[in-house]
Structure formats: C-alpha cells, structure tokens
C-alpha atoms as a PDB file:
ATOM      1  CA  MET A   1       4.381  -1.830  42.614  1.00  0.00           C
ATOM      2  CA  ILE A   2       6.170  -4.480  44.062  1.00  0.00           C
ATOM      3  CA  ARG A   3       4.335  -6.319  46.651  1.00  0.00           C
ATOM      4  CA  VAL A   4       7.698  -7.024  49.127  1.00  0.00           C
ATOM      5  CA  THR A   5       5.420  -7.968  52.540  1.00  0.00           C
ATOM      6  CA  PRO A   6       2.226  -7.697  53.156  1.00  0.00           C
ATOM      7  CA  THR A   7       2.599  -3.759  54.106  1.00  0.00           C
ATOM      8  CA  ILE A   8       5.718  -2.680  51.944  1.00  0.00           C
ATOM      9  CA  ALA A   9       5.354  -2.022  48.727  1.00  0.00           C
ATOM     10  CA  LEU A  10       8.105  -0.708  46.283  1.00  0.00           C
ATOM     11  CA  ASP A  11       7.850   1.886  43.788  1.00  0.00           C
ATOM     12  CA  GLU A  12       8.488   0.509  40.716  1.00  0.00           C
ATOM     13  CA  ARG A  13       9.914   3.956  39.641  1.00  0.00           C
ATOM     14  CA  ALA A  14      12.561   3.919  42.261  1.00  0.00           C
ATOM     15  CA  ILE A  15      14.180   1.039  40.569  1.00  0.00           C
ATOM     16  CA  GLU A  16      16.428   1.503  37.955  1.00  0.00           C
ATOM     17  CA  GLU A  17      18.376  -1.656  35.432  1.00  0.00           C
ATOM     18  CA  SER A  18      21.293  -1.519  33.143  1.00  0.00           C
ATOM     19  CA  PHE A  19      22.597  -4.202  31.233  1.00  0.00           C
ATOM     20  CA  ILE A  20      26.334  -4.680  31.482  1.00  0.00           C
ATOM     21  CA  ARG A  21      29.049  -7.685  29.788  1.00  0.00           C
ATOM     22  CA  ALA A  22      29.103 -10.415  32.548  1.00  0.00           C
ATOM     23  CA  SER A  23      32.434 -11.218  33.650  1.00  0.00           C
ATOM     24  CA  GLY A  24      34.144 -14.882  33.573  1.00  0.00           C
ATOM     25  CA  PRO A  25      34.049 -17.898  31.247  1.00  0.00           C
ATOM     26  CA  GLY A  26      31.143 -18.080  28.846  1.00  0.00           C
ATOM     27  CA  GLY A  27      32.720 -18.278  25.261  1.00  0.00           C
ATOM     28  CA  GLN A  28      32.093 -15.788  22.134  1.00  0.00           C
ATOM     29  CA  ASN A  29      29.027 -14.974  23.542  1.00  0.00           C
ATOM     30  CA  VAL A  30      30.390 -13.215  26.635  1.00  0.00           C
ATOM     31  CA  ASN A  31      32.088 -10.391  24.568  1.00  0.00           C
ATOM     32  CA  LYS A  32      28.959  -9.810  22.563  1.00  0.00           C
ATOM     33  CA  VAL A  33      25.985 -10.026  24.520  1.00  0.00           C
ATOM     34  CA  ALA A  34      24.822  -7.712  27.679  1.00  0.00           C
ATOM     35  CA  THR A  35      23.155 -10.179  29.865  1.00  0.00           C
ATOM     36  CA  ALA A  36      24.681  -9.179  33.513  1.00  0.00           C
ATOM     37  CA  VAL A  37      22.066  -6.802  35.181  1.00  0.00           C
ATOM     38  CA  GLN A  38      22.816  -3.784  37.534  1.00  0.00           C
ATOM     39  CA  LEU A  39      19.777  -3.086  39.623  1.00  0.00           C
ATOM     40  CA  ARG A  40      19.993   0.126  41.689  1.00  0.00           C
ATOM     41  CA  LEU A  41      17.261   1.314  43.953  1.00  0.00           C
ATOM     42  CA  SER A  42      16.943   4.826  45.401  1.00  0.00           C
ATOM     43  CA  LEU A  43      16.252   4.775  48.867  1.00  0.00           C
ATOM     44  CA  ASP A  44      14.596   8.229  48.817  1.00  0.00           C
ATOM     45  CA  ALA A  45      12.381   7.351  46.139  1.00  0.00           C
ATOM     46  CA  ALA A  46      11.405   4.039  47.484  1.00  0.00           C
ATOM     47  CA  GLY A  47       9.272   5.371  50.270  1.00  0.00           C
ATOM     48  CA  LEU A  48      10.252   2.822  52.833  1.00  0.00           C
ATOM     49  CA  PRO A  49       9.400   3.400  56.331  1.00  0.00           C
ATOM     50  CA  GLY A  50      12.178   5.179  58.888  1.00  0.00           C
ATOM     51  CA  PRO A  51      12.912   1.995  60.690  1.00  0.00           C
ATOM     52  CA  VAL A  52      13.109  -0.633  57.892  1.00  0.00           C
ATOM     53  CA  ARG A  53      15.078   1.934  56.071  1.00  0.00           C
ATOM     54  CA  ALA A  54      17.786   2.461  58.472  1.00  0.00           C
ATOM     55  CA  ARG A  55      17.921  -1.475  58.871  1.00  0.00           C
ATOM     56  CA  LEU A  56      17.767  -1.743  55.195  1.00  0.00           C
ATOM     57  CA  GLU A  57      21.094   0.274  54.928  1.00  0.00           C
ATOM     58  CA  ARG A  58      22.824  -1.541  57.449  1.00  0.00           C
ATOM     59  CA  LEU A  59      22.173  -4.875  55.988  1.00  0.00           C
ATOM     60  CA  ALA A  60      23.092  -3.652  52.276  1.00  0.00           C
ATOM     61  CA  GLY A  61      26.796  -3.100  53.658  1.00  0.00           C
ATOM     62  CA  HIS A  62      29.209  -2.892  50.815  1.00  0.00           C
ATOM     63  CA  ARG A  63      26.157  -2.409  48.143  1.00  0.00           C
ATOM     64  CA  LEU A  64      25.098   0.739  49.536  1.00  0.00           C
ATOM     65  CA  THR A  65      26.594   3.376  47.275  1.00  0.00           C
ATOM     66  CA  GLN A  66      27.599   6.982  48.800  1.00  0.00           C
ATOM     67  CA  ALA A  67      24.692   8.820  47.001  1.00  0.00           C
ATOM     68  CA  GLY A  68      22.509   6.297  49.232  1.00  0.00           C
ATOM     69  CA  ASP A  69      21.429   3.533  46.870  1.00  0.00           C
ATOM     70  CA  ILE A  70      21.110  -0.213  46.730  1.00  0.00           C
ATOM     71  CA  LEU A  71      23.338  -1.591  44.138  1.00  0.00           C
ATOM     72  CA  ILE A  72      22.755  -5.544  43.192  1.00  0.00           C
ATOM     73  CA  THR A  73      24.643  -7.042  40.315  1.00  0.00           C
ATOM     74  CA  ALA A  74      23.637 -10.481  39.273  1.00  0.00           C
ATOM     75  CA  GLN A  75      25.242 -12.555  36.380  1.00  0.00           C
ATOM     76  CA  ARG A  76      24.956 -15.672  36.846  1.00  0.00           C
ATOM     77  CA  HIS A  77      22.459 -16.853  34.091  1.00  0.00           C
ATOM     78  CA  ARG A  78      23.514 -16.642  30.345  1.00  0.00           C
ATOM     79  CA  THR A  79      20.094 -14.702  29.727  1.00  0.00           C
ATOM     80  CA  GLN A  80      19.259 -10.903  30.617  1.00  0.00           C
ATOM     81  CA  GLU A  81      15.646 -12.316  31.715  1.00  0.00           C
ATOM     82  CA  ARG A  82      16.732 -14.773  34.431  1.00  0.00           C
ATOM     83  CA  ASN A  83      19.498 -12.307  35.669  1.00  0.00           C
ATOM     84  CA  ARG A  84      16.624  -9.802  36.536  1.00  0.00           C
ATOM     85  CA  ALA A  85      14.744 -11.792  38.046  1.00  0.00           C
ATOM     86  CA  GLU A  86      17.262 -13.074  40.344  1.00  0.00           C
ATOM     87  CA  ALA A  87      18.394  -9.428  40.834  1.00  0.00           C
ATOM     88  CA  LEU A  88      15.165  -8.369  41.930  1.00  0.00           C
ATOM     89  CA  GLU A  89      14.682 -11.470  43.668  1.00  0.00           C
ATOM     90  CA  MET A  90      17.442 -10.575  45.925  1.00  0.00           C
ATOM     91  CA  LEU A  91      16.371  -7.130  46.487  1.00  0.00           C
ATOM     92  CA  VAL A  92      13.087  -8.172  47.469  1.00  0.00           C
ATOM     93  CA  GLU A  93      14.728 -10.716  50.004  1.00  0.00           C
ATOM     94  CA  LEU A  94      16.956  -7.882  51.208  1.00  0.00           C
ATOM     95  CA  ILE A  95      13.692  -5.672  51.884  1.00  0.00           C
ATOM     96  CA  ARG A  96      12.347  -8.701  54.087  1.00  0.00           C
ATOM     97  CA  ASP A  97      14.879  -9.508  55.843  1.00  0.00           C
ATOM     98  CA  ALA A  98      15.061  -5.486  56.721  1.00  0.00           C
ATOM     99  CA  ALA A  99      11.216  -5.544  57.485  1.00  0.00           C
ATOM    100  CA  VAL A 100      11.666  -7.544  60.273  1.00  0.00           C
ATOM    101  CA  ALA A 101      12.287  -5.888  63.479  1.00  0.00           C
ATOM    102  CA  PRO A 102      15.202  -7.369  65.662  1.00  0.00           C
ATOM    103  CA  VAL A 103      13.693  -9.057  68.810  1.00  0.00           C
ATOM    104  CA  ARG A 104      14.545  -7.157  72.263  1.00  0.00           C
ATOM    105  CA  ARG A 105      16.239  -9.582  74.615  1.00  0.00           C
ATOM    106  CA  VAL A 106      14.957  -9.407  77.962  1.00  0.00           C
ATOM    107  CA  LYS A 107      17.191  -9.569  80.820  1.00  0.00           C
ATOM    108  CA  THR A 108      16.685 -12.415  83.286  1.00  0.00           C
ATOM    109  CA  ARG A 109      18.063 -13.722  86.964  1.00  0.00           C
ATOM    110  CA  PRO A 110      19.025 -17.620  87.382  1.00  0.00           C
ATOM    111  CA  THR A 111      16.582 -18.478  90.310  1.00  0.00           C
ATOM    112  CA  LEU A 112      17.841 -19.145  93.790  1.00  0.00           C
ATOM    113  CA  ALA A 113      17.360 -23.263  93.481  1.00  0.00           C
ATOM    114  CA  SER A 114      19.246 -23.160  90.043  1.00  0.00           C
ATOM    115  CA  LYS A 115      22.455 -21.026  92.000  1.00  0.00           C
ATOM    116  CA  ARG A 116      22.401 -23.451  94.840  1.00  0.00           C
ATOM    117  CA  ARG A 117      22.591 -26.534  92.063  1.00  0.00           C
ATOM    118  CA  ARG A 118      25.160 -24.869  90.575  1.00  0.00           C
ATOM    119  CA  LEU A 119      27.253 -24.508  93.454  1.00  0.00           C
ATOM    120  CA  GLU A 120      26.725 -27.636  94.992  1.00  0.00           C
ATOM    121  CA  ALA A 121      27.595 -29.713  91.414  1.00  0.00           C
ATOM    122  CA  LYS A 122      30.963 -27.368  91.948  1.00  0.00           C
ATOM    123  CA  ALA A 123      31.582 -28.457  95.402  1.00  0.00           C
ATOM    124  CA  HIS A 124      30.916 -31.955  94.144  1.00  0.00           C
ATOM    125  CA  ARG A 125      33.462 -32.184  91.193  1.00  0.00           C
ATOM    126  CA  ALA A 126      35.670 -30.380  93.530  1.00  0.00           C
ATOM    127  CA  GLN A 127      35.433 -33.565  95.934  1.00  0.00           C
ATOM    128  CA  VAL A 128      35.595 -36.033  93.219  1.00  0.00           C
ATOM    129  CA  LYS A 129      39.089 -34.130  91.697  1.00  0.00           C
ATOM    130  CA  THR A 130      40.561 -33.716  95.611  1.00  0.00           C
ATOM    131  CA  ALA A 131      39.705 -37.372  96.104  1.00  0.00           C
ATOM    132  CA  ARG A 132      41.591 -38.679  92.868  1.00  0.00           C
ATOM    133  CA  SER A 133      44.980 -36.479  93.566  1.00  0.00           C
ATOM    134  CA  ARG A 134      45.419 -38.576  97.128  1.00  0.00           C
ATOM    135  CA  ARG A 135      48.103 -40.962  96.950  1.00  0.00           C
ATOM    136  CA  ALA A 136      48.073 -43.870  99.239  1.00  0.00           C
ATOM    137  CA  ASP A 137      50.906 -43.594 102.243  1.00  0.00           C
ATOM    138  CA  PRO A 138      53.805 -45.800 101.588  1.00  0.00           C
ATOM    139  CA  ASP A 139      54.498 -48.534 104.249  1.00  0.00           C
END
C-alpha cells in the first residue's frame, strides 16, 4: 500500500508501469534505452472514496483515459528509477490535491455602515470632480 494521506492509501496492484523510449535530445542513449515511464492507475481498482475519485477525475484533465484510468508519463531524467519516482510522486500529489475538499463560500452581506461609507465617499468624489470642472467667469 502506498500511503497518500493519513486516511487514503493506494493499492499497488492498481498501478501499472510500462517503460518507453524518451523523446527529445539525448544522443545515442535515447535510441537504445527505454528510460521514460508511463504510469497507469486504474481508478476502479484504486479503492478511493467517491468524492475524492470525482475530484481526481476532474483534476486529471487530459491524463484521464476513456477507460477511466489516469496515465502519467515521466521522461525528464536519464534513468528509469528517477523517472519512476517522479511519476509516482506526480500521481500521489494529484491524489493529495483531490483529497482536499473545497471550502464552501458563505454568502455575506455588507453592513449598513459600510454601505453608508461607500455612498459618502462617492458623493465626496462627485463634489471634487464637479468643483474641478467649473470654469471661472470671464470679466
């Protein structure tokens, strides 16, 4: 089990790793060695709570496949081990973000005093502007 939060743990059997060749520069090594890793998390087998799963699907965006899996690719490093660790960390971070429930906004109303202050400031500003626009009468 991979501990994500104190209450959420991922079943390692729900994660599938496959290694592919990395794209981009890297000389001869990039053509010979499959260092990039594709991490696939099956949401059905992960055993996540319903609300967390729903937020995770929304947060995953383009990484969510038609089959309902999350696909994460890591290819920044030159070794498989570092790419594996990075992909797993990306997945855990994504699940941690999904585990945090959004704070509900509580509607508030402005107080009567704040309404009065706002209107008084508006009136004062209007007076300043009208005083500036008045021209002196020519004699």
